[in-house]
């Protein structure tokens, strides 16, 4: 009877060992599945973040390009205003300059 009891005990140990191994294998499988899911979620988040950064970069690039065009337009306008001011000033003093030149050209020094 002791032999049967020993064999029954050994059989219980083998069964418990097999159940333990099954539990460990299930835990490993669950861990691997969760790691795979976490990696997929992370990859998705990275792709979304990269996409957001690209959109922001393109928006800023477009703003800069627009600012450049606005700056060119502003500079052209300022230049035209300055040219007109110079023409007006030249027209005002041109008569004075002509009279001064005539006076010096026609006066005789001795």
PDB file of N, CA and C in Angstrom:
ATOM      1  N   UNK A   1       0.799  -1.166   0.000  1.00  0.00           N
ATOM      2  CA  UNK A   1       0.000   0.000   0.000  1.00  0.00           C
ATOM      3  C   UNK A   1       0.852   1.244   0.000  1.00  0.00           C
ATOM      4  N   UNK A   2       1.952   1.130   0.637  1.00  0.00           N
ATOM      5  CA  UNK A   2       2.841   2.273   0.637  1.00  0.00           C
ATOM      6  C   UNK A   2       3.359   2.567  -0.759  1.00  0.00           C
ATOM      7  N   UNK A   3       3.561   1.567  -1.543  1.00  0.00           N
ATOM      8  CA  UNK A   3       4.018   1.754  -2.912  1.00  0.00           C
ATOM      9  C   UNK A   3       2.944   2.504  -3.701  1.00  0.00           C
ATOM     10  N   UNK A   4       1.695   2.118  -3.490  1.00  0.00           N
ATOM     11  CA  UNK A   4       0.598   2.808  -4.169  1.00  0.00           C
ATOM     12  C   UNK A   4       0.484   4.255  -3.692  1.00  0.00           C
ATOM     13  N   UNK A   5       0.699   4.470  -2.403  1.00  0.00           N
ATOM     14  CA  UNK A   5       0.639   5.818  -1.846  1.00  0.00           C
ATOM     15  C   UNK A   5       1.787   6.654  -2.387  1.00  0.00           C
ATOM     16  N   UNK A   6       2.963   6.052  -2.489  1.00  0.00           N
ATOM     17  CA  UNK A   6       4.140   6.771  -3.020  1.00  0.00           C
ATOM     18  C   UNK A   6       3.917   7.096  -4.483  1.00  0.00           C
ATOM     19  N   UNK A   7       3.407   6.113  -5.234  1.00  0.00           N
ATOM     20  CA  UNK A   7       3.155   6.354  -6.654  1.00  0.00           C
ATOM     21  C   UNK A   7       2.061   7.409  -6.826  1.00  0.00           C
ATOM     22  N   UNK A   8       1.047   7.384  -5.980  1.00  0.00           N
ATOM     23  CA  UNK A   8      -0.010   8.388  -6.019  1.00  0.00           C
ATOM     24  C   UNK A   8       0.541   9.765  -5.688  1.00  0.00           C
ATOM     25  N   UNK A   9       1.458   9.829  -4.709  1.00  0.00           N
ATOM     26  CA  UNK A   9       2.087  11.107  -4.339  1.00  0.00           C
ATOM     27  C   UNK A   9       2.952  11.636  -5.470  1.00  0.00           C
ATOM     28  N   UNK A  10       3.697  10.723  -6.098  1.00  0.00           N
ATOM     29  CA  UNK A  10       4.552  11.117  -7.230  1.00  0.00           C
ATOM     30  C   UNK A  10       3.682  11.617  -8.376  1.00  0.00           C
ATOM     31  N   UNK A  11       2.580  10.911  -8.606  1.00  0.00           N
ATOM     32  CA  UNK A  11       1.670  11.307  -9.671  1.00  0.00           C
ATOM     33  C   UNK A  11       1.080  12.693  -9.384  1.00  0.00           C
ATOM     34  N   UNK A  12       0.768  12.970  -8.131  1.00  0.00           N
ATOM     35  CA  UNK A  12       0.245  14.286  -7.753  1.00  0.00           C
ATOM     36  C   UNK A  12       1.305  15.365  -7.975  1.00  0.00           C
ATOM     37  N   UNK A  13       2.545  15.041  -7.609  1.00  0.00           N
ATOM     38  CA  UNK A  13       3.640  15.996  -7.833  1.00  0.00           C
ATOM     39  C   UNK A  13       3.835  16.266  -9.312  1.00  0.00           C
ATOM     40  N   UNK A  14       3.801  15.216 -10.123  1.00  0.00           N
ATOM     41  CA  UNK A  14       3.950  15.405 -11.572  1.00  0.00           C
ATOM     42  C   UNK A  14       2.799  16.240 -12.134  1.00  0.00           C
ATOM     43  N   UNK A  15       1.594  15.980 -11.661  1.00  0.00           N
ATOM     44  CA  UNK A  15       0.432  16.743 -12.105  1.00  0.00           C
ATOM     45  C   UNK A  15       0.565  18.206 -11.679  1.00  0.00           C
ATOM     46  N   UNK A  16       0.978  18.441 -10.434  1.00  0.00           N
ATOM     47  CA  UNK A  16       1.161  19.809  -9.926  1.00  0.00           C
ATOM     48  C   UNK A  16       2.260  20.515 -10.699  1.00  0.00           C
ATOM     49  N   UNK A  17       3.337  19.772 -10.999  1.00  0.00           N
ATOM     50  CA  UNK A  17       4.437  20.359 -11.773  1.00  0.00           C
ATOM     51  C   UNK A  17       3.951  20.756 -13.176  1.00  0.00           C
ATOM     52  N   UNK A  18       3.141  19.894 -13.780  1.00  0.00           N
ATOM     53  CA  UNK A  18       2.616  20.181 -15.113  1.00  0.00           C
ATOM     54  C   UNK A  18       1.680  21.396 -15.071  1.00  0.00           C
ATOM     55  N   UNK A  19       0.838  21.476 -14.047  1.00  0.00           N
ATOM     56  CA  UNK A  19      -0.054  22.619 -13.898  1.00  0.00           C
ATOM     57  C   UNK A  19       0.743  23.912 -13.686  1.00  0.00           C
ATOM     58  N   UNK A  20       1.798  23.801 -12.869  1.00  0.00           N
ATOM     59  CA  UNK A  20       2.671  24.967 -12.648  1.00  0.00           C
ATOM     60  C   UNK A  20       3.327  25.416 -13.944  1.00  0.00           C
ATOM     61  N   UNK A  21       3.799  24.440 -14.717  1.00  0.00           N
ATOM     62  CA  UNK A  21       4.438  24.757 -16.006  1.00  0.00           C
ATOM     63  C   UNK A  21       3.428  25.409 -16.952  1.00  0.00           C
ATOM     64  N   UNK A  22       2.194  24.909 -16.940  1.00  0.00           N
ATOM     65  CA  UNK A  22       1.139  25.495 -17.778  1.00  0.00           C
ATOM     66  C   UNK A  22       0.847  26.940 -17.372  1.00  0.00           C
ATOM     67  N   UNK A  23       0.818  27.184 -16.050  1.00  0.00           N
ATOM     68  CA  UNK A  23       0.579  28.546 -15.547  1.00  0.00           C
ATOM     69  C   UNK A  23       1.709  29.480 -15.974  1.00  0.00           C
ATOM     70  N   UNK A  24       2.956  29.003 -15.837  1.00  0.00           N
ATOM     71  CA  UNK A  24       4.117  29.806 -16.225  1.00  0.00           C
ATOM     72  C   UNK A  24       4.081  30.094 -17.723  1.00  0.00           C
ATOM     73  N   UNK A  25       3.766  29.080 -18.531  1.00  0.00           N
ATOM     74  CA  UNK A  25       3.687  29.274 -19.981  1.00  0.00           C
ATOM     75  C   UNK A  25       2.584  30.261 -20.351  1.00  0.00           C
ATOM     76  N   UNK A  26       1.447  30.167 -19.683  1.00  0.00           N
ATOM     77  CA  UNK A  26       0.346  31.099 -19.941  1.00  0.00           C
ATOM     78  C   UNK A  26       0.763  32.520 -19.565  1.00  0.00           C
ATOM     79  N   UNK A  27       1.477  32.661 -18.449  1.00  0.00           N
ATOM     80  CA  UNK A  27       1.944  33.984 -18.024  1.00  0.00           C
ATOM     81  C   UNK A  27       2.943  34.556 -19.027  1.00  0.00           C
ATOM     82  N   UNK A  28       3.842  33.698 -19.517  1.00  0.00           N
ATOM     83  CA  UNK A  28       4.812  34.145 -20.525  1.00  0.00           C
ATOM     84  C   UNK A  28       4.105  34.586 -21.804  1.00  0.00           C
ATOM     85  N   UNK A  29       3.123  33.817 -22.213  1.00  0.00           N
ATOM     86  CA  UNK A  29       2.367  34.159 -23.419  1.00  0.00           C
ATOM     87  C   UNK A  29       1.628  35.479 -23.233  1.00  0.00           C
ATOM     88  N   UNK A  30       1.016  35.660 -22.075  1.00  0.00           N
ATOM     89  CA  UNK A  30       0.301  36.907 -21.791  1.00  0.00           C
ATOM     90  C   UNK A  30       1.276  38.085 -21.760  1.00  0.00           C
ATOM     91  N   UNK A  31       2.448  37.848 -21.169  1.00  0.00           N
ATOM     92  CA  UNK A  31       3.465  38.907 -21.101  1.00  0.00           C
ATOM     93  C   UNK A  31       3.924  39.289 -22.502  1.00  0.00           C
ATOM     94  N   UNK A  32       4.187  38.310 -23.338  1.00  0.00           N
ATOM     95  CA  UNK A  32       4.638  38.583 -24.710  1.00  0.00           C
ATOM     96  C   UNK A  32       3.550  39.305 -25.505  1.00  0.00           C
ATOM     97  N   UNK A  33       2.297  38.886 -25.310  1.00  0.00           N
ATOM     98  CA  UNK A  33       1.191  39.542 -26.004  1.00  0.00           C
ATOM     99  C   UNK A  33       1.072  40.995 -25.550  1.00  0.00           C
ATOM    100  N   UNK A  34       1.213  41.228 -24.249  1.00  0.00           N
ATOM    101  CA  UNK A  34       1.121  42.601 -23.730  1.00  0.00           C
ATOM    102  C   UNK A  34       2.289  43.444 -24.226  1.00  0.00           C
ATOM    103  N   UNK A  35       3.491  42.886 -24.276  1.00  0.00           N
ATOM    104  CA  UNK A  35       4.650  43.622 -24.799  1.00  0.00           C
ATOM    105  C   UNK A  35       4.436  43.986 -26.271  1.00  0.00           C
ATOM    106  N   UNK A  36       3.899  43.042 -27.026  1.00  0.00           N
ATOM    107  CA  UNK A  36       3.626  43.300 -28.437  1.00  0.00           C
ATOM    108  C   UNK A  36       2.578  44.404 -28.582  1.00  0.00           C
ATOM    109  N   UNK A  37       1.531  44.350 -27.763  1.00  0.00           N
ATOM    110  CA  UNK A  37       0.483  45.367 -27.807  1.00  0.00           C
ATOM    111  C   UNK A  37       1.051  46.732 -27.407  1.00  0.00           C
ATOM    112  N   UNK A  38       1.885  46.755 -26.373  1.00  0.00           N
ATOM    113  CA  UNK A  38       2.491  48.012 -25.927  1.00  0.00           C
ATOM    114  C   UNK A  38       3.374  48.600 -27.020  1.00  0.00           C
ATOM    115  N   UNK A  39       4.124  47.752 -27.711  1.00  0.00           N
ATOM    116  CA  UNK A  39       4.978  48.228 -28.801  1.00  0.00           C
ATOM    117  C   UNK A  39       4.131  48.803 -29.933  1.00  0.00           C
ATOM    118  N   UNK A  40       3.040  48.137 -30.264  1.00  0.00           N
ATOM    119  CA  UNK A  40       2.161  48.641 -31.319  1.00  0.00           C
ATOM    120  C   UNK A  40       1.546  49.987 -30.931  1.00  0.00           C
ATOM    121  N   UNK A  41       1.104  50.100 -29.662  1.00  0.00           N
ATOM    122  CA  UNK A  41       0.538  51.361 -29.184  1.00  0.00           C
ATOM    123  C   UNK A  41       1.579  52.471 -29.218  1.00  0.00           C
ATOM    124  N   UNK A  42       2.794  52.150 -28.801  1.00  0.00           N
ATOM    125  CA  UNK A  42       3.878  53.129 -28.807  1.00  0.00           C
ATOM    126  C   UNK A  42       4.200  53.564 -30.228  1.00  0.00           C
ATOM    127  N   UNK A  43       4.282  52.610 -31.144  1.00  0.00           N
ATOM    128  CA  UNK A  43       4.555  52.948 -32.542  1.00  0.00           C
ATOM    129  C   UNK A  43       3.464  53.856 -33.110  1.00  0.00           C
ATOM    130  N   UNK A  44       2.216  53.580 -32.737  1.00  0.00           N
ATOM    131  CA  UNK A  44       1.096  54.400 -33.203  1.00  0.00           C
ATOM    132  C   UNK A  44       1.209  55.818 -32.645  1.00  0.00           C
ATOM    133  N   UNK A  45       1.508  55.926 -31.337  1.00  0.00           N
ATOM    134  CA  UNK A  45       1.657  57.243 -30.716  1.00  0.00           C
ATOM    135  C   UNK A  45       2.811  58.015 -31.337  1.00  0.00           C
ATOM    136  N   UNK A  46       3.911  57.335 -31.618  1.00  0.00           N
ATOM    137  CA  UNK A  46       5.062  57.981 -32.242  1.00  0.00           C
ATOM    138  C   UNK A  46       4.689  58.492 -33.627  1.00  0.00           C
ATOM    139  N   UNK A  47       3.975  57.687 -34.394  1.00  0.00           N
ATOM    140  CA  UNK A  47       3.555  58.100 -35.732  1.00  0.00           C
ATOM    141  C   UNK A  47       2.628  59.311 -35.663  1.00  0.00           C
ATOM    142  N   UNK A  48       1.698  59.321 -34.707  1.00  0.00           N
ATOM    143  CA  UNK A  48       0.798  60.461 -34.553  1.00  0.00           C
ATOM    144  C   UNK A  48       1.570  61.713 -34.161  1.00  0.00           C
ATOM    145  N   UNK A  49       2.501  61.572 -33.226  1.00  0.00           N
ATOM    146  CA  UNK A  49       3.300  62.713 -32.784  1.00  0.00           C
ATOM    147  C   UNK A  49       4.154  63.253 -33.930  1.00  0.00           C
ATOM    148  N   UNK A  50       4.755  62.346 -34.671  1.00  0.00           N
ATOM    149  CA  UNK A  50       5.575  62.754 -35.813  1.00  0.00           C
ATOM    150  C   UNK A  50       4.717  63.489 -36.843  1.00  0.00           C
ATOM    151  N   UNK A  51       3.504  62.997 -37.066  1.00  0.00           N
ATOM    152  CA  UNK A  51       2.585  63.634 -37.990  1.00  0.00           C
ATOM    153  C   UNK A  51       2.219  65.036 -37.515  1.00  0.00           C
ATOM    154  N   UNK A  52       1.950  65.174 -36.220  1.00  0.00           N
ATOM    155  CA  UNK A  52       1.629  66.489 -35.665  1.00  0.00           C
ATOM    156  C   UNK A  52       2.801  67.452 -35.829  1.00  0.00           C
ATOM    157  N   UNK A  53       4.009  66.968 -35.565  1.00  0.00           N
ATOM    158  CA  UNK A  53       5.190  67.810 -35.727  1.00  0.00           C
ATOM    159  C   UNK A  53       5.372  68.231 -37.181  1.00  0.00           C
ATOM    160  N   UNK A  54       5.117  67.316 -38.100  1.00  0.00           N
ATOM    161  CA  UNK A  54       5.251  67.629 -39.523  1.00  0.00           C
ATOM    162  C   UNK A  54       4.233  68.687 -39.936  1.00  0.00           C
ATOM    163  N   UNK A  55       2.994  68.552 -39.450  1.00  0.00           N
ATOM    164  CA  UNK A  55       1.957  69.543 -39.767  1.00  0.00           C
ATOM    165  C   UNK A  55       2.354  70.901 -39.206  1.00  0.00           C
ATOM    166  N   UNK A  56       2.834  70.932 -37.965  1.00  0.00           N
ATOM    167  CA  UNK A  56       3.263  72.187 -37.349  1.00  0.00           C
ATOM    168  C   UNK A  56       4.443  72.795 -38.113  1.00  0.00           C
ATOM    169  N   UNK A  57       5.378  71.950 -38.521  1.00  0.00           N
ATOM    170  CA  UNK A  57       6.522  72.432 -39.288  1.00  0.00           C
ATOM    171  C   UNK A  57       6.076  73.036 -40.615  1.00  0.00           C
ATOM    172  N   UNK A  58       5.182  72.350 -41.316  1.00  0.00           N
ATOM    173  CA  UNK A  58       4.690  72.863 -42.604  1.00  0.00           C
ATOM    174  C   UNK A  58       3.930  74.169 -42.415  1.00  0.00           C
ATOM    175  N   UNK A  59       3.159  74.275 -41.315  1.00  0.00           N
ATOM    176  CA  UNK A  59       2.413  75.508 -41.047  1.00  0.00           C
ATOM    177  C   UNK A  59       3.374  76.661 -40.796  1.00  0.00           C
ATOM    178  N   UNK A  60       4.391  76.403 -39.981  1.00  0.00           N
ATOM    179  CA  UNK A  60       5.375  77.462 -39.697  1.00  0.00           C
ATOM    180  C   UNK A  60       6.163  77.835 -40.944  1.00  0.00           C
ATOM    181  N   UNK A  61       6.468  76.843 -41.751  1.00  0.00           N
ATOM    182  CA  UNK A  61       7.183  77.114 -42.991  1.00  0.00           C
ATOM    183  C   UNK A  61       6.347  77.989 -43.907  1.00  0.00           C
ATOM    184  N   UNK A  62       5.054  77.689 -43.985  1.00  0.00           N
ATOM    185  CA  UNK A  62       4.152  78.497 -44.802  1.00  0.00           C
ATOM    186  C   UNK A  62       4.042  79.915 -44.251  1.00  0.00           C
ATOM    187  N   UNK A  63       4.008  80.044 -42.917  1.00  0.00           N
ATOM    188  CA  UNK A  63       3.953  81.374 -42.306  1.00  0.00           C
ATOM    189  C   UNK A  63       5.216  82.163 -42.629  1.00  0.00           C
ATOM    190  N   UNK A  64       6.342  81.501 -42.527  1.00  0.00           N
ATOM    191  CA  UNK A  64       7.616  82.185 -42.816  1.00  0.00           C
ATOM    192  C   UNK A  64       7.663  82.632 -44.273  1.00  0.00           C
ATOM    193  N   UNK A  65       7.216  81.774 -45.145  1.00  0.00           N
ATOM    194  CA  UNK A  65       7.202  82.136 -46.563  1.00  0.00           C
ATOM    195  C   UNK A  65       6.262  83.310 -46.784  1.00  0.00           C
ATOM    196  N   UNK A  66       5.119  83.273 -46.117  1.00  0.00           N
ATOM    197  CA  UNK A  66       4.168  84.373 -46.218  1.00  0.00           C
ATOM    198  C   UNK A  66       4.744  85.643 -45.645  1.00  0.00           C
ATOM    199  N   UNK A  67       5.449  85.529 -44.528  1.00  0.00           N
ATOM    200  CA  UNK A  67       6.082  86.699 -43.925  1.00  0.00           C
ATOM    201  C   UNK A  67       7.124  87.275 -44.867  1.00  0.00           C
ATOM    202  N   UNK A  68       7.845  86.407 -45.537  1.00  0.00           N
ATOM    203  CA  UNK A  68       8.867  86.873 -46.470  1.00  0.00           C
ATOM    204  C   UNK A  68       8.222  87.683 -47.581  1.00  0.00           C
ATOM    205  N   UNK A  69       7.134  87.201 -48.120  1.00  0.00           N
ATOM    206  CA  UNK A  69       6.418  87.930 -49.160  1.00  0.00           C
ATOM    207  C   UNK A  69       5.887  89.240 -48.633  1.00  0.00           C
ATOM    208  N   UNK A  70       5.387  89.231 -47.403  1.00  0.00           N
ATOM    209  CA  UNK A  70       4.877  90.464 -46.790  1.00  0.00           C
ATOM    210  C   UNK A  70       6.014  91.451 -46.574  1.00  0.00           C
ATOM    211  N   UNK A  71       7.178  90.939 -46.167  1.00  0.00           N
ATOM    212  CA  UNK A  71       8.339  91.814 -45.961  1.00  0.00           C
ATOM    213  C   UNK A  71       8.791  92.433 -47.278  1.00  0.00           C
ATOM    214  N   UNK A  72       8.793  91.642 -48.328  1.00  0.00           N
ATOM    215  CA  UNK A  72       9.197  92.158 -49.637  1.00  0.00           C
ATOM    216  C   UNK A  72       8.228  93.254 -50.063  1.00  0.00           C
ATOM    217  N   UNK A  73       6.944  93.008 -49.899  1.00  0.00           N
ATOM    218  CA  UNK A  73       5.931  93.999 -50.267  1.00  0.00           C
ATOM    219  C   UNK A  73       6.099  95.269 -49.451  1.00  0.00           C
ATOM    220  N   UNK A  74       6.331  95.121 -48.149  1.00  0.00           N
ATOM    221  CA  UNK A  74       6.515  96.282 -47.276  1.00  0.00           C
ATOM    222  C   UNK A  74       7.752  97.079 -47.693  1.00  0.00           C
ATOM    223  N   UNK A  75       8.848  96.380 -47.987  1.00  0.00           N
ATOM    224  CA  UNK A  75      10.070  97.064 -48.411  1.00  0.00           C
ATOM    225  C   UNK A  75       9.880  97.784 -49.741  1.00  0.00           C
ATOM    226  N   UNK A  76       9.169  97.165 -50.662  1.00  0.00           N
ATOM    227  CA  UNK A  76       8.911  97.817 -51.948  1.00  0.00           C
ATOM    228  C   UNK A  76       8.091  99.086 -51.752  1.00  0.00           C
ATOM    229  N   UNK A  77       7.102  99.021 -50.897  1.00  0.00           N
ATOM    230  CA  UNK A  77       6.264 100.200 -50.624  1.00  0.00           C
ATOM    231  C   UNK A  77       7.093 101.307 -49.991  1.00  0.00           C
ATOM    232  N   UNK A  78       7.898 100.958 -49.002  1.00  0.00           N
ATOM    233  CA  UNK A  78       8.750 101.958 -48.345  1.00  0.00           C
ATOM    234  C   UNK A  78       9.723 102.578 -49.339  1.00  0.00           C
ATOM    235  N   UNK A  79      10.279 101.764 -50.222  1.00  0.00           N
ATOM    236  CA  UNK A  79      11.219 102.267 -51.222  1.00  0.00           C
ATOM    237  C   UNK A  79      10.538 103.246 -52.170  1.00  0.00           C
ATOM    238  N   UNK A  80       9.346 102.907 -52.618  1.00  0.00           N
ATOM    239  CA  UNK A  80       8.606 103.805 -53.508  1.00  0.00           C
ATOM    240  C   UNK A  80       8.315 105.134 -52.827  1.00  0.00           C
ATOM    241  N   UNK A  81       7.955 105.085 -51.549  1.00  0.00           N
ATOM    242  CA  UNK A  81       7.679 106.320 -50.805  1.00  0.00           C
ATOM    243  C   UNK A  81       8.939 107.164 -50.699  1.00  0.00           C
ATOM    244  N   UNK A  82      10.064 106.532 -50.399  1.00  0.00           N
ATOM    245  CA  UNK A  82      11.324 107.274 -50.287  1.00  0.00           C
ATOM    246  C   UNK A  82      11.731 107.879 -51.625  1.00  0.00           C
ATOM    247  N   UNK A  83      11.541 107.142 -52.705  1.00  0.00           N
ATOM    248  CA  UNK A  83      11.875 107.667 -54.040  1.00  0.00           C
ATOM    249  C   UNK A  83      11.012 108.894 -54.348  1.00  0.00           C
ATOM    250  N   UNK A  84       9.735 108.817 -54.067  1.00  0.00           N
ATOM    251  CA  UNK A  84       8.839 109.959 -54.305  1.00  0.00           C
ATOM    252  C   UNK A  84       9.246 111.157 -53.451  1.00  0.00           C
ATOM    253  N   UNK A  85       9.624 110.913 -52.193  1.00  0.00           N
ATOM    254  CA  UNK A  85      10.080 112.009 -51.327  1.00  0.00           C
ATOM    255  C   UNK A  85      11.340 112.670 -51.893  1.00  0.00           C
ATOM    256  N   UNK A  86      12.278 111.842 -52.371  1.00  0.00           N
ATOM    257  CA  UNK A  86      13.506 112.393 -52.962  1.00  0.00           C
ATOM    258  C   UNK A  86      13.199 113.199 -54.216  1.00  0.00           C
ATOM    259  N   UNK A  87      12.292 112.724 -55.051  1.00  0.00           N
ATOM    260  CA  UNK A  87      11.917 113.460 -56.262  1.00  0.00           C
ATOM    261  C   UNK A  87      11.284 114.806 -55.902  1.00  0.00           C
ATOM    262  N   UNK A  88      10.436 114.799 -54.885  1.00  0.00           N
ATOM    263  CA  UNK A  88       9.780 116.037 -54.447  1.00  0.00           C
ATOM    264  C   UNK A  88      10.811 117.018 -53.909  1.00  0.00           C
ATOM    265  N   UNK A  89      11.720 116.542 -53.067  1.00  0.00           N
ATOM    266  CA  UNK A  89      12.765 117.413 -52.529  1.00  0.00           C
ATOM    267  C   UNK A  89      13.664 117.950 -53.639  1.00  0.00           C
ATOM    268  N   UNK A  90      13.988 117.081 -54.605  1.00  0.00           N
ATOM    269  CA  UNK A  90      14.833 117.523 -55.716  1.00  0.00           C
ATOM    270  C   UNK A  90      14.123 118.596 -56.543  1.00  0.00           C
ATOM    271  N   UNK A  91      12.828 118.426 -56.766  1.00  0.00           N
ATOM    272  CA  UNK A  91      12.070 119.426 -57.532  1.00  0.00           C
ATOM    273  C   UNK A  91      12.035 120.756 -56.790  1.00  0.00           C
ATOM    274  N   UNK A  92      11.931 120.708 -55.475  1.00  0.00           N
ATOM    275  CA  UNK A  92      11.863 121.941 -54.679  1.00  0.00           C
ATOM    276  C   UNK A  92      13.195 122.688 -54.733  1.00  0.00           C
ATOM    277  N   UNK A  93      14.305 122.003 -54.576  1.00  0.00           N
ATOM    278  CA  UNK A  93      15.592 122.697 -54.505  1.00  0.00           C
ATOM    279  C   UNK A  93      16.283 122.843 -55.857  1.00  0.00           C
ATOM    280  N   UNK A  94      15.731 122.234 -56.902  1.00  0.00           N
ATOM    281  CA  UNK A  94      16.413 122.329 -58.203  1.00  0.00           C
ATOM    282  C   UNK A  94      16.457 123.772 -58.710  1.00  0.00           C
ATOM    283  N   UNK A  95      15.392 124.536 -58.504  1.00  0.00           N
ATOM    284  CA  UNK A  95      15.415 125.949 -58.929  1.00  0.00           C
ATOM    285  C   UNK A  95      16.477 126.723 -58.167  1.00  0.00           C
ATOM    286  N   UNK A  96      16.620 126.474 -56.897  1.00  0.00           N
ATOM    287  CA  UNK A  96      17.625 127.157 -56.075  1.00  0.00           C
ATOM    288  C   UNK A  96      19.024 126.793 -56.568  1.00  0.00           C
ATOM    289  N   UNK A  97      19.241 125.540 -56.871  1.00  0.00           N
ATOM    290  CA  UNK A  97      20.556 125.080 -57.337  1.00  0.00           C
ATOM    291  C   UNK A  97      20.878 125.718 -58.688  1.00  0.00           C
ATOM    292  N   UNK A  98      19.905 125.731 -59.593  1.00  0.00           N
ATOM    293  CA  UNK A  98      20.127 126.335 -60.926  1.00  0.00           C
ATOM    294  C   UNK A  98      20.473 127.803 -60.776  1.00  0.00           C
ATOM    295  N   UNK A  99      19.760 128.517 -59.938  1.00  0.00           N
ATOM    296  CA  UNK A  99      20.048 129.957 -59.732  1.00  0.00           C
ATOM    297  C   UNK A  99      21.443 130.142 -59.142  1.00  0.00           C
ATOM    298  N   UNK A 100      21.838 129.308 -58.191  1.00  0.00           N
ATOM    299  CA  UNK A 100      23.165 129.411 -57.588  1.00  0.00           C
ATOM    300  C   UNK A 100      24.246 129.147 -58.629  1.00  0.00           C
ATOM    301  N   UNK A 101      24.060 128.122 -59.478  1.00  0.00           N
ATOM    302  CA  UNK A 101      25.043 127.807 -60.513  1.00  0.00           C
ATOM    303  C   UNK A 101      25.151 128.942 -61.527  1.00  0.00           C
ATOM    304  N   UNK A 102      24.013 129.495 -61.929  1.00  0.00           N
ATOM    305  CA  UNK A 102      24.043 130.624 -62.873  1.00  0.00           C
ATOM    306  C   UNK A 102      24.766 131.817 -62.261  1.00  0.00           C
ATOM    307  N   UNK A 103      24.525 132.081 -61.008  1.00  0.00           N
ATOM    308  CA  UNK A 103      25.164 133.215 -60.337  1.00  0.00           C
ATOM    309  C   UNK A 103      26.665 133.032 -60.312  1.00  0.00           C
ATOM    310  N   UNK A 104      27.122 131.853 -59.977  1.00  0.00           N
ATOM    311  CA  UNK A 104      28.568 131.612 -59.910  1.00  0.00           C
ATOM    312  C   UNK A 104      29.185 131.562 -61.305  1.00  0.00           C
ATOM    313  N   UNK A 105      28.451 131.070 -62.295  1.00  0.00           N
ATOM    314  CA  UNK A 105      29.002 130.999 -63.646  1.00  0.00           C
ATOM    315  C   UNK A 105      29.071 132.353 -64.317  1.00  0.00           C
ATOM    316  N   UNK A 106      28.167 133.234 -63.942  1.00  0.00           N
ATOM    317  CA  UNK A 106      28.138 134.543 -64.608  1.00  0.00           C
ATOM    318  C   UNK A 106      28.864 135.632 -63.833  1.00  0.00           C
ATOM    319  N   UNK A 107      29.218 135.374 -62.615  1.00  0.00           N
ATOM    320  CA  UNK A 107      29.931 136.407 -61.859  1.00  0.00           C
ATOM    321  C   UNK A 107      31.425 136.317 -62.163  1.00  0.00           C
ATOM    322  N   UNK A 108      32.046 137.483 -62.233  1.00  0.00           N
ATOM    323  CA  UNK A 108      33.457 137.564 -62.538  1.00  0.00           C
ATOM    324  C   UNK A 108      34.214 137.918 -61.269  1.00  0.00           C
ATOM    325  N   UNK A 109      35.232 137.205 -61.009  1.00  0.00           N
ATOM    326  CA  UNK A 109      36.064 137.520 -59.869  1.00  0.00           C
ATOM    327  C   UNK A 109      37.342 138.131 -60.348  1.00  0.00           C
ATOM    328  N   UNK A 110      37.754 139.055 -59.603  1.00  0.00           N
ATOM    329  CA  UNK A 110      39.013 139.640 -60.026  1.00  0.00           C
ATOM    330  C   UNK A 110      40.110 139.403 -59.063  1.00  0.00           C
TER     331      UNK A 110
END
